[in-house]
Protein backbone atom coordinates (compact mmCIF):
# COMPACT_ATOMS: atom_id res chain seq x y z
CA MET A 1 -0.31 -0.17 0.16
CA ARG A 2 0.91 3.70 -0.40
CA GLN A 3 0.19 6.57 2.20
CA ASN A 4 1.20 9.66 3.18
CA ALA A 5 3.47 9.57 6.20
CA LYS A 6 2.59 10.84 9.33
CA THR A 7 5.65 12.86 10.53
CA LEU A 8 6.36 16.39 11.57
CA TRP A 9 7.85 18.74 9.40
CA TYR A 10 8.50 22.70 8.90
CA ASP A 11 9.35 25.06 5.87
CA ARG A 12 12.26 27.31 6.66
CA PRO A 13 13.74 29.70 3.64
CA ARG A 14 17.10 27.37 3.94
CA TYR A 15 15.82 24.04 5.57
CA VAL A 16 12.74 22.03 5.29
CA PHE A 17 13.02 20.12 8.46
CA LEU A 18 11.64 16.11 8.98
CA GLU A 19 11.36 14.39 11.69
CA PHE A 20 10.03 10.73 11.67
CA CYS A 21 9.41 8.07 14.23
CA VAL A 22 11.41 4.43 14.33
CA GLU A 23 11.31 1.81 16.52
CA ASN A 24 15.31 2.35 16.97
CA SER A 25 17.15 5.43 14.97
CA ARG A 26 20.49 2.96 15.50
CA ASP A 27 19.10 -0.05 13.19
CA VAL A 28 18.49 2.36 10.50
CA LYS A 29 20.48 4.01 7.83
CA VAL A 30 20.10 7.34 6.15
CA ASP A 31 20.63 7.96 2.82
CA ILE A 32 19.80 11.88 1.38
CA GLU A 33 19.89 12.29 -2.33
CA ASP A 34 19.13 15.13 -4.82
CA HIS A 35 14.99 14.30 -4.90
CA LYS A 36 14.74 11.66 -2.13
CA VAL A 37 15.57 10.56 1.40
CA ILE A 38 15.95 6.88 1.73
CA PHE A 39 15.72 4.87 4.72
CA SER A 40 17.24 1.58 5.22
CA CYS A 41 17.72 -1.35 7.73
CA ILE A 42 18.38 -5.14 8.30
CA ASN A 43 15.30 -6.76 10.17
CA GLU A 44 15.47 -9.68 12.93
CA ASP A 45 15.90 -12.47 9.61
CA ASN A 46 18.66 -10.32 8.16
CA ILE A 47 16.58 -9.29 5.57
CA GLN A 48 17.47 -5.83 3.96
CA MET A 49 14.42 -3.50 4.24
CA TYR A 50 14.59 -0.40 2.39
CA ASN A 51 11.93 2.54 1.94
CA GLU A 52 12.31 5.69 0.08
CA ILE A 53 10.63 9.05 0.74
CA GLN A 54 10.63 11.58 -2.62
CA LEU A 55 11.08 15.23 -1.96
CA TYR A 56 8.90 18.05 -3.48
CA ASP A 57 12.01 19.22 -4.87
CA ARG A 58 15.63 19.20 -5.08
CA VAL A 59 17.63 19.61 -2.00
CA GLN A 60 22.03 19.78 -1.73
CA PRO A 61 22.65 16.29 -0.05
CA LYS A 62 26.39 17.54 1.01
CA ASP A 63 25.00 20.52 3.10
CA SER A 64 22.35 17.95 4.66
CA ARG A 65 22.31 16.57 7.91
CA GLU A 66 20.82 14.41 10.09
CA LYS A 67 20.15 13.63 14.02
CA ARG A 68 19.09 11.01 15.99
CA SER A 69 17.29 10.72 19.29
CA ASP A 70 16.15 6.86 20.47
CA ARG A 71 13.49 6.49 18.48
CA SER A 72 13.26 9.37 15.95
CA ILE A 73 15.17 10.91 13.08
CA THR A 74 15.78 14.49 12.11
CA CYS A 75 16.39 15.11 8.80
CA PHE A 76 17.80 18.91 7.97
CA LEU A 77 17.42 19.55 4.34
CA ARG A 78 19.26 22.43 2.51
CA LYS A 79 17.31 23.73 -0.06
CA TRP A 80 18.54 24.11 -3.53
CA LYS A 81 16.52 27.26 -3.80
CA GLU A 82 16.86 29.10 -0.79
CA LYS A 83 13.60 30.99 0.13
CA VAL A 84 11.25 29.41 -2.07
CA ALA A 85 8.40 27.58 -0.20
CA TRP A 86 7.42 23.91 -0.38
CA PRO A 87 3.53 23.11 -0.56
CA ARG A 88 1.97 22.49 2.59
CA LEU A 89 1.08 18.89 3.45
CA THR A 90 -3.01 18.22 2.57
CA LYS A 91 -5.37 15.59 2.63
CA GLU A 92 -7.05 17.12 -0.27
CA ASN A 93 -7.43 15.24 -3.60
CA HIS A 94 -6.85 18.24 -6.19
CA LYS A 95 -3.85 19.42 -3.63
CA PRO A 96 -1.67 16.61 -4.18
CA SER A 97 1.04 16.04 -0.90
CA TRP A 98 5.06 15.60 -1.89
CA LEU A 99 5.53 13.65 0.96
CA ALA A 100 4.69 9.81 0.56
CA VAL A 101 5.88 6.90 1.89
CA ASP A 102 6.03 3.27 0.73
CA PHE A 103 5.30 0.90 3.37
CA ASP A 104 5.29 -2.48 1.59
CA ASN A 105 9.30 -2.73 1.60
CA TRP A 106 9.44 -1.78 4.94
CA ARG A 107 7.78 -4.97 6.05
CA ASP A 108 6.84 -8.25 4.69
CA TRP A 109 3.22 -7.67 4.62
CA ASP A 110 2.15 -11.25 2.42
CA SER A 111 1.17 -13.67 5.41
CA GLU A 112 -0.73 -10.93 7.08
CA GLU A 113 -0.46 -12.74 10.25
CA GLU A 114 -1.68 -11.94 13.73
CA GLY A 115 1.90 -10.80 14.46
CA GLU A 116 2.45 -8.70 11.98
CA MET A 117 -0.81 -6.61 11.85
CA ALA A 118 0.12 -5.94 15.54
CA MET A 119 3.72 -4.72 14.62
CA ALA A 120 2.13 -2.87 11.64
CA GLU A 121 -0.47 -1.12 14.51
CA HIS A 122 2.22 -0.42 16.83
CA TYR A 123 4.26 1.11 13.87
CA LEU A 124 1.40 3.58 13.23
CA ASP A 125 0.90 4.16 16.94
CA LEU A 126 4.64 5.41 17.01
CA ILE A 127 3.89 7.49 13.79
CA ASN A 128 0.34 8.90 15.37
CA SER A 129 2.03 9.87 18.46
CA VAL A 130 4.40 12.68 16.59
CA LYS A 131 1.30 14.70 15.23
CA ASP A 132 1.20 17.44 17.75
CA LYS A 133 4.21 18.20 19.01
CA GLY A 134 2.92 21.74 19.45
CA ALA A 135 4.71 25.18 18.09
CA PRO A 136 7.58 24.12 15.58
CA PRO A 137 11.17 25.12 16.42
CA SER A 138 12.60 28.40 15.29
CA MET A 139 14.84 27.62 12.14
CA ASP A 140 15.43 30.88 10.60
CA ASP A 141 19.07 31.15 11.63
CA LEU A 142 19.57 27.91 10.28
CA ASP A 143 22.07 28.12 7.27
CA ASP A 144 25.12 26.12 5.67
CA LEU A 145 26.99 27.38 8.46
CA ASP A 146 25.35 25.67 11.42
CA LEU A 147 26.43 22.05 12.47
CA MET A 148 24.86 19.39 14.55
CA THR A 149 27.82 17.48 16.56
CA GLU A 150 29.31 16.70 19.48
CA VAL A 151 31.72 17.27 21.97
CA VAL A 152 34.86 15.30 22.61
CA SER A 153 36.77 17.16 25.17
CA CYS A 154 36.88 20.12 27.42
CA SER A 155 39.70 21.45 29.52
CA PRO A 156 40.63 24.11 31.61
CA ALA A 157 43.00 26.89 29.59
CA LYS A 158 44.30 30.50 29.03
CA LEU A 159 43.22 32.84 26.54
CA LYS A 160 45.96 35.86 25.90
CA THR A 161 44.30 38.48 24.25
CA GLU A 162 44.84 42.49 23.73
CA ASN A 163 42.13 45.26 23.41
CA GLY A 164 43.00 48.45 22.81
CA GLY A 165 46.77 48.11 23.01
CA LYS A 166 45.67 46.61 26.69
CA LYS A 167 46.94 42.87 26.94
CA GLU A 168 45.12 40.46 29.30
CA THR A 169 44.58 36.83 30.17
CA LEU A 170 41.29 35.32 29.99
CA SER A 171 40.40 31.98 32.04
CA GLY A 172 38.46 29.83 29.97
CA PHE A 173 37.98 26.09 28.49
CA ASN A 174 39.42 24.54 25.49
CA VAL A 175 36.93 22.20 23.69
CA ILE A 176 37.64 20.09 20.78
CA LEU A 177 34.28 18.42 18.69
CA LYS A 178 33.50 15.99 16.81
CA ASP A 179 33.20 18.00 13.69
CA THR A 180 33.07 21.63 13.21
CA VAL A 181 32.14 24.34 10.89
CA LEU A 182 34.08 27.34 12.43
CA PHE A 183 37.48 28.00 10.72
CA PRO A 184 41.12 28.10 13.01
CA GLU A 185 43.41 30.24 11.77
CA GLY A 186 45.73 29.94 9.26
CA GLY A 187 46.59 30.73 5.90
CA GLY A 188 47.39 34.09 6.53
CA GLN A 189 43.31 34.41 7.33
CA PRO A 190 42.36 34.86 11.18
CA ASP A 191 39.91 32.45 12.55
CA ASP A 192 36.21 32.46 12.94
CA ARG A 193 33.74 33.49 15.40
CA GLY A 194 30.42 31.84 16.97
CA PHE A 195 28.77 29.96 19.25
CA ILE A 196 28.78 26.09 20.24
CA GLY A 197 24.88 26.15 21.87
CA GLU A 198 24.86 29.12 23.33
CA VAL A 199 28.34 29.55 24.24
CA PRO A 200 30.23 32.23 22.43
CA VAL A 201 33.72 30.90 20.96
CA LEU A 202 36.16 33.55 21.26
CA ARG A 203 39.11 31.90 19.44
CA VAL A 204 39.69 29.23 17.15
CA THR A 205 43.37 27.22 16.82
CA ARG A 206 44.44 24.55 15.11
CA GLN A 207 46.09 21.27 17.02
CA GLY A 208 47.10 18.84 14.45
CA PRO A 209 43.98 17.23 12.87
CA ASP A 210 42.29 19.07 15.43
CA ALA A 211 40.04 22.20 15.61
CA VAL A 212 40.30 23.75 19.45
CA HIS A 213 37.48 26.48 20.50
CA PHE A 214 38.11 28.61 23.17
CA VAL A 215 35.00 28.88 25.24
CA SER A 216 34.18 30.67 28.61
CA SER A 217 31.92 27.91 30.31
CA PRO A 218 32.73 24.51 30.28
CA LEU A 219 30.53 21.76 27.86
CA ASP A 220 30.39 18.17 28.89
CA PRO A 221 31.74 15.68 26.55
CA GLY A 222 29.43 13.77 24.86
CA THR A 223 26.78 16.38 24.93
CA PRO A 224 25.27 17.13 21.40
CA VAL A 225 25.98 20.91 20.04
CA LEU A 226 24.95 22.98 17.21
CA THR A 227 27.72 25.14 16.41
CA ARG A 228 27.01 28.36 14.49
CA VAL A 229 29.29 30.75 13.06
CA ASP A 230 29.39 34.35 12.96
CA TRP A 231 28.54 34.87 9.37
CA ASP A 232 29.35 38.32 9.19
CA ARG A 233 32.82 38.05 9.99
CA ARG A 234 33.09 34.50 8.03
CA PHE A 235 31.95 36.36 4.45
CA ASP A 236 34.19 39.28 5.38
CA HIS A 237 37.13 36.87 5.74
CA MET A 238 35.73 34.76 2.29
CA GLN A 239 35.87 37.67 0.15
CA GLN A 240 39.18 39.36 1.03
CA HIS A 241 40.67 35.73 1.16
CA SER A 242 39.21 34.78 -2.75
CA GLY A 243 39.89 38.51 -3.24
CA GLN A 244 43.98 37.67 -2.58
CA HIS A 245 43.75 34.82 -4.84
CA LEU A 246 42.39 36.80 -7.45
CA ILE A 247 44.90 39.66 -7.33
CA THR A 248 47.75 37.49 -6.83
CA ALA A 249 47.05 35.27 -9.87
CA ILE A 250 46.56 38.51 -12.09
CA ALA A 251 49.56 40.42 -10.59
CA ASP A 252 51.77 37.04 -11.62
CA SER A 253 50.25 36.56 -15.26
CA LEU A 254 50.57 40.41 -15.82
CA TYR A 255 54.02 41.01 -14.46
CA GLY A 256 55.45 38.61 -13.01
CA PHE A 257 55.07 39.49 -9.42
CA LYS A 258 55.04 36.38 -7.08
CA THR A 259 53.50 36.97 -3.80
CA THR A 260 55.56 35.66 -0.92
CA SER A 261 52.78 36.98 1.88
CA TRP A 262 49.60 38.11 2.63
CA GLU A 263 48.07 39.50 5.53
CA LEU A 264 44.05 39.73 6.03
CA GLY A 265 43.86 43.06 8.13
CA ARG A 266 41.00 44.55 10.45
CA GLN A 267 40.25 47.31 7.90
CA ARG A 268 42.43 46.58 4.88
CA SER A 269 44.54 43.92 3.37
CA PHE A 270 47.90 43.48 2.28
CA ILE A 271 49.63 41.31 -0.26
CA GLU A 272 53.59 40.98 -0.29
CA LEU A 273 54.86 41.18 -3.84
CA ASP A 274 58.57 40.47 -4.92
CA THR A 275 59.40 42.91 -6.27
CA PRO A 276 60.84 46.71 -5.08
CA THR A 277 58.40 49.14 -7.25
CA VAL A 278 54.89 48.65 -8.44
CA THR A 279 53.62 51.55 -10.66
CA ASN A 280 50.41 53.22 -10.71
CA GLU A 281 49.76 52.08 -14.27
CA GLN A 282 50.32 48.68 -13.19
CA THR A 283 47.97 48.73 -10.04
CA GLU A 284 45.31 50.25 -12.34
CA THR A 285 45.82 47.69 -14.85
CA ILE A 286 45.81 45.03 -12.16
CA GLU A 287 42.44 46.84 -10.68
CA LYS A 288 40.67 46.60 -14.22
CA LEU A 289 41.33 42.82 -15.04
CA VAL A 290 40.57 41.36 -11.82
CA ASN A 291 36.84 43.38 -11.75
CA GLU A 292 36.67 42.41 -15.36
CA LYS A 293 36.67 38.41 -13.84
CA ILE A 294 34.16 39.53 -11.45
CA ARG A 295 31.79 40.47 -13.60
CA GLN A 296 32.46 37.11 -15.84
CA ARG A 297 30.78 35.53 -12.75
CA VAL A 298 33.65 32.76 -13.07
CA ALA A 299 33.57 29.81 -10.64
CA VAL A 300 35.72 29.11 -8.08
CA ILE A 301 35.91 25.35 -7.03
CA VAL A 302 37.22 23.40 -3.62
CA ARG A 303 39.07 20.26 -5.03
CA VAL A 304 40.69 17.99 -2.87
CA ILE A 305 43.57 15.64 -4.20
CA SER A 306 46.52 13.29 -3.11
CA VAL A 307 49.82 14.21 -2.95
CA GLU A 308 50.76 11.98 -5.44
CA ASP A 309 48.53 13.24 -8.10
CA PRO A 310 50.45 14.65 -10.73
CA GLU A 311 48.13 17.66 -10.62
CA PHE A 312 50.29 18.08 -7.22
CA ASP A 313 53.42 19.52 -8.41
CA LYS A 314 51.48 22.12 -11.06
CA VAL A 315 49.55 24.12 -8.76
CA ARG A 316 50.77 27.10 -7.16
CA SER A 317 51.64 26.66 -3.45
CA ARG A 318 53.77 28.52 -1.18
CA GLY A 319 54.45 24.66 0.69
CA LEU A 320 52.53 22.76 3.28
CA PRO A 321 53.16 23.12 6.57
CA ASP A 322 55.09 20.41 8.49
CA ASP A 323 52.61 18.59 10.06
CA HIS A 324 50.18 18.28 7.21
CA ALA A 325 49.22 14.71 6.31
CA GLY A 326 46.52 13.15 4.28
CA PRO A 327 44.96 15.03 0.81
CA VAL A 328 45.53 18.49 -0.29
CA ARG A 329 42.69 21.45 -0.44
CA ILE A 330 42.61 23.00 -4.32
CA ILE A 331 41.09 26.78 -4.82
CA ASP A 332 40.35 26.67 -8.37
CA ILE A 333 39.51 29.86 -10.14
CA ASP A 334 38.00 28.61 -13.26
CA GLY A 335 40.64 29.49 -15.75
CA VAL A 336 42.44 32.15 -13.72
CA ASP A 337 44.41 29.98 -11.14
CA ALA A 338 44.76 27.09 -9.10
CA ASN A 339 46.62 27.06 -5.48
CA MET A 340 46.31 24.76 -2.23
CA CYS A 341 44.48 26.56 0.63
CA CYS A 342 43.06 25.77 4.02
CA GLY A 343 41.01 28.85 3.56
CA THR A 344 37.44 29.85 3.51
CA HIS A 345 36.62 31.36 -0.04
CA VAL A 346 33.58 32.26 -2.24
CA SER A 347 31.98 29.71 -4.45
CA ASN A 348 31.85 32.17 -7.65
CA LEU A 349 33.98 35.68 -8.20
CA SER A 350 30.85 37.46 -8.57
CA ASP A 351 30.49 37.50 -4.74
CA LEU A 352 33.57 39.37 -4.05
CA GLN A 353 31.20 42.57 -5.76
CA VAL A 354 34.09 44.33 -6.23
CA ILE A 355 37.78 44.99 -5.74
CA LYS A 356 39.75 48.35 -5.16
CA ILE A 357 43.30 48.58 -4.49
CA LEU A 358 44.28 51.38 -2.40
CA GLY A 359 47.66 51.89 -3.45
CA THR A 360 50.84 50.64 -2.56
CA GLU A 361 53.75 51.04 0.10
CA LYS A 362 57.76 49.91 0.30
CA GLY A 363 57.72 46.38 1.97
CA LYS A 364 60.44 44.47 3.72
CA LYS A 365 63.68 43.07 1.95
CA ASN A 366 63.13 45.27 -1.69
CA LYS A 367 59.38 43.92 -2.02
CA THR A 368 56.06 46.05 -2.18
CA ASN A 369 53.25 46.03 -0.19
CA LEU A 370 49.97 45.97 -2.49
CA ILE A 371 47.04 47.55 -0.42
CA PHE A 372 43.30 46.23 -1.39
CA LEU A 373 39.76 46.13 -0.09
CA ALA A 374 37.37 43.27 -1.48
CA GLY A 375 33.61 43.35 -1.20
CA GLU A 376 31.76 44.96 1.35
CA ARG A 377 34.55 46.32 2.63
CA VAL A 378 35.07 48.96 -0.33
CA LEU A 379 31.16 49.65 0.17
CA LYS A 380 31.94 50.53 4.07
CA HIS A 381 34.85 52.71 2.76
CA ALA A 382 33.26 54.61 0.19
CA ALA A 383 30.53 55.36 2.91
CA ARG A 384 33.31 56.78 5.39
CA SER A 385 34.82 58.77 2.46
CA TYR A 386 31.45 60.22 1.56
CA GLY A 387 30.76 61.31 4.98
CA THR A 388 34.47 62.70 5.32
CA GLU A 389 33.39 64.70 2.13
CA LYS A 390 30.75 66.05 3.96
CA ALA A 391 32.45 66.98 7.05
CA LEU A 392 35.00 69.32 5.24
CA THR A 393 32.41 70.62 2.52
CA SER A 394 30.47 72.00 5.61
CA LEU A 395 33.61 73.12 7.49
CA LEU A 396 35.90 74.51 4.52
CA LYS A 397 33.01 76.02 2.37
CA ASN A 398 33.57 74.99 -1.06
CA GLY A 399 33.41 71.49 -3.26
CA PRO A 400 35.21 68.56 -2.92
CA GLU A 401 37.83 69.68 -5.73
CA GLU A 402 38.81 72.12 -3.57
CA HIS A 403 39.21 70.83 -0.59
CA VAL A 404 42.96 70.08 -1.34
CA GLU A 405 43.65 73.54 -2.42
CA ALA A 406 41.80 74.99 1.07
CA VAL A 407 43.75 72.72 3.25
CA ASP A 408 46.75 73.72 2.05
CA LYS A 409 46.12 77.20 2.47
CA LEU A 410 44.97 76.50 6.16
CA GLN A 411 48.26 74.44 6.93
CA LYS A 412 50.06 77.70 5.86
CA THR A 413 48.34 80.00 7.82
CA VAL A 414 48.59 77.81 11.06
CA ARG A 415 52.35 77.78 10.68
CA LEU A 416 53.04 81.39 10.24
CA LEU A 417 50.67 81.76 13.25
CA GLN A 418 52.28 79.30 15.06
CA LYS A 419 56.00 81.05 14.11
CA ASN A 420 54.53 84.50 15.43
CA ASN A 421 53.13 83.02 18.54
CA LEU A 422 56.31 81.12 19.16
CA THR A 423 57.87 85.09 18.77
CA LEU A 424 55.44 86.53 20.91
CA LEU A 425 55.99 83.33 23.93
CA ARG A 426 59.95 84.19 23.71
CA ASP A 427 59.44 87.79 23.59
CA LEU A 428 56.87 87.54 26.84
CA ALA A 429 59.02 85.37 28.76
CA VAL A 430 62.08 88.01 28.45
CA LEU A 431 59.55 90.19 29.84
CA THR A 432 58.32 88.10 32.18
CA ALA A 433 61.97 87.53 33.87
CA GLN A 434 63.05 91.10 33.56
CA SER A 435 59.88 92.07 35.34
CA PHE A 436 60.81 89.84 38.07
CA ASN A 437 64.11 90.98 38.47
CA SER A 438 63.48 94.68 38.69
CA ARG A 439 61.24 93.91 41.66
CA THR A 440 62.49 95.12 45.06
CA ASP A 441 60.09 92.48 47.02
CA ARG A 442 60.59 89.51 44.16
CA GLY A 443 61.93 87.28 47.12
CA LYS A 444 63.57 83.55 47.02
CA ILE A 445 60.70 81.89 44.78
CA PHE A 446 59.16 82.46 41.48
CA CYS A 447 56.08 80.84 40.25
CA LEU A 448 54.26 80.96 37.26
CA HIS A 449 51.91 78.80 34.99
CA LYS A 450 50.82 79.56 31.65
CA LYS A 451 48.54 77.72 29.55
CA GLU A 452 50.19 78.36 26.38
CA GLY A 453 53.49 77.78 26.19
CA ASP A 454 56.47 75.11 25.84
CA ASN A 455 59.66 73.85 27.60
CA GLU A 456 61.67 76.71 25.53
CA PHE A 457 59.30 79.50 27.07
CA MET A 458 60.25 78.32 30.63
CA ASN A 459 64.04 77.30 29.84
CA ILE A 460 64.28 81.19 28.85
CA ILE A 461 62.07 82.64 31.56
CA ALA A 462 64.83 80.32 34.12
CA ASN A 463 67.85 81.73 32.29
CA GLU A 464 67.04 85.68 32.32
CA ILE A 465 66.48 85.10 36.00
CA GLY A 466 68.98 83.06 37.24
CA THR A 467 69.44 80.24 39.62
CA GLU A 468 72.04 81.85 42.05
CA ASP A 469 69.74 82.60 45.02
CA THR A 470 65.99 82.10 43.49
CA LEU A 471 64.03 79.04 43.11
CA VAL A 472 61.82 79.00 40.31
CA PHE A 473 59.13 77.13 39.42
CA LEU A 474 57.65 77.04 36.22
CA THR A 475 54.25 75.14 34.79
CA VAL A 476 52.58 75.12 30.91
CA GLY A 477 49.84 72.99 29.79
CA ASP A 478 46.01 72.65 30.68
CA GLU A 479 45.21 73.85 34.73
CA LYS A 480 43.38 70.74 35.61
CA GLY A 481 44.79 67.95 33.47
CA ALA A 482 48.49 67.44 32.16
CA GLY A 483 51.36 70.07 31.08
CA LEU A 484 55.18 70.43 31.53
CA PHE A 485 56.95 71.75 34.49
CA LEU A 486 60.33 73.20 35.52
CA LEU A 487 62.56 73.59 38.78
CA SER A 488 65.14 75.69 38.49
CA GLY A 489 67.43 77.44 40.81
CA PRO A 490 70.06 76.14 43.70
CA ALA A 491 71.62 72.82 42.71
CA GLU A 492 71.03 71.48 46.41
CA HIS A 493 67.68 72.44 46.29
CA VAL A 494 66.93 71.42 42.99
CA GLU A 495 68.47 68.25 43.76
CA LYS A 496 66.77 67.38 46.61
CA LEU A 497 63.07 68.95 45.68
CA GLY A 498 63.03 67.67 41.91
CA PRO A 499 62.01 63.81 42.42
CA ARG A 500 59.41 65.39 45.30
CA VAL A 501 57.93 67.95 42.76
CA SER A 502 57.67 65.73 39.75
CA GLU A 503 55.83 62.98 42.23
CA ILE A 504 53.67 65.84 43.42
CA LEU A 505 52.17 66.19 40.21
CA ASP A 506 52.35 62.82 39.15
CA GLY A 507 54.40 62.97 36.24
CA LYS A 508 58.06 62.02 35.08
CA GLY A 509 61.53 64.03 34.92
CA ALA A 510 65.24 64.47 35.08
CA GLY A 511 67.60 66.10 36.57
CA LYS A 512 70.91 68.25 34.85
CA ARG A 513 73.09 71.53 36.02
CA GLY A 514 70.53 73.11 38.22
CA ARG A 515 67.22 72.11 36.62
CA PHE A 516 64.76 69.14 36.94
CA GLN A 517 62.23 69.23 34.16
CA GLY A 518 59.83 66.89 32.77
CA LYS A 519 56.09 66.00 32.19
CA ALA A 520 53.05 66.55 34.62
CA ASN A 521 49.74 64.92 35.05
CA LYS A 522 48.21 66.67 37.55
CA MET A 523 48.68 70.42 37.09
CA SER A 524 46.11 70.91 39.71
CA GLN A 525 48.46 69.93 42.72
CA ARG A 526 50.73 73.30 41.70
CA GLY A 527 49.36 74.52 45.05
CA ASP A 528 51.10 71.78 47.12
CA VAL A 529 54.45 72.19 44.88
CA GLU A 530 54.58 75.75 45.98
CA LYS A 531 53.97 75.06 49.70
CA LEU A 532 57.06 72.48 49.54
CA LEU A 533 59.19 75.25 48.11
CA LEU A 534 58.06 77.48 50.94
CA GLU A 535 58.92 75.18 53.33
CA VAL A 536 62.31 74.69 52.23
CA MET A 537 63.20 78.01 51.41
CA ASN A 538 61.66 79.58 54.17
CA GLY A 539 61.06 83.01 52.23
CA PRO A 540 58.40 84.97 50.38
CA CYS A 541 57.00 83.85 47.22
CA LEU A 542 56.01 85.69 44.15
CA THR A 543 53.55 83.86 42.04
CA GLU A 544 51.75 84.88 38.57
CA GLU A 545 49.29 83.46 36.36
């Protein structure tokens, strides 16, 4: 007989989710093909049992998978055409169901003995029991970068990180999974980020054949888990890495420039070319040709070959890792390049969108670094550049084509003003010292703070006043922030007081020939320094602001 199967199924943008009830899931083999799912098992009489489920539309077997419990099998079938809805199951004759199960080969029904009929009823009860399971689970985020797998091991570990120049060590756990879709760093490409269940993965590294996932919370070995990739980060890395392969191949074929290394940076990427110079005309030609290949929608094919394959010696490579064993992965840009690579790549050059070569810079050992962006990074760079252009247009009150000229004029004006300001400061320093020296009540201590000033300003005052009898304490900079200080006077007092002054101002300084000067972080503590000087000198203090 042939009848509709009783099963749970959910249609999602990328996947169709099917759950079937069986007597013992360990006894059932599942094969997922383009248009059908095949179940098979061996019965108690050692007879092969076979069953097929014809699907509504084509699926991608390599990207489909299964998950088992004791009495159920759940299939995650990746649609060939994403975001295309499959028709609902129905009992109405004019709306045929795509999901059908042939029970003829599942059991031998010829004898129709009482025991066999009882077994049939038992199977029907099992199937009926999965009809009402409540709301279906959310699977909108399930894509080809999600994988059901199992925890193999979990051990305490440390991770050294750097954030904004600040280094720190995190405590967590190294987790090894039965399989993973999270890429460990290698081949010039940074590692993936993502989740194991709900636990964020903070780093992925390779140890021999294993990918080691650093997480903050422990996971029990043997636990089934769903791994999920940070797609935005992954796709960005795919675009930059495939872009590097394409640029490398074109630069080599056009000019014989060999790539010796590359770096996928956070904002821009670098390709080190084995040539002392690359002209602007050459970079423009390379950029033009790589974007032509993108518009031609050239396929990017991943192949696996053995080291004994004759092709092994023909493909481009910078060598295999010392601990490599087994087959070799080839990234083949159809008709353009074939290269050994372990990284992640787009499946078609059209996914790169566009490549922009920003320029070149001098590299190490007579080499040249070519700087480039690919894909989404080009769009973000254009958006940032346009935002900067709008801001400059508003500030400079002219069009973008006049920005450079306007800024050049402003810089010349600023340099002239700075020069005039320095002249005035020098004159002011001399007048300040002369004014102090001419006073009859000048005392033994002279203190001065000026917001505008520099080391030269303070040194001129100290030189003009002299250091035989007077202790001079000068500061410049923000009154409530950081700045510079100078202590000048009798050598025995400066040598003793200099480190104390530096400590009070939370700064660093050095002394030489009756002067101690340096940087201060707490200019607001100047008053405490003046009190200290008064105690030591035991004389009047003249303070000017």
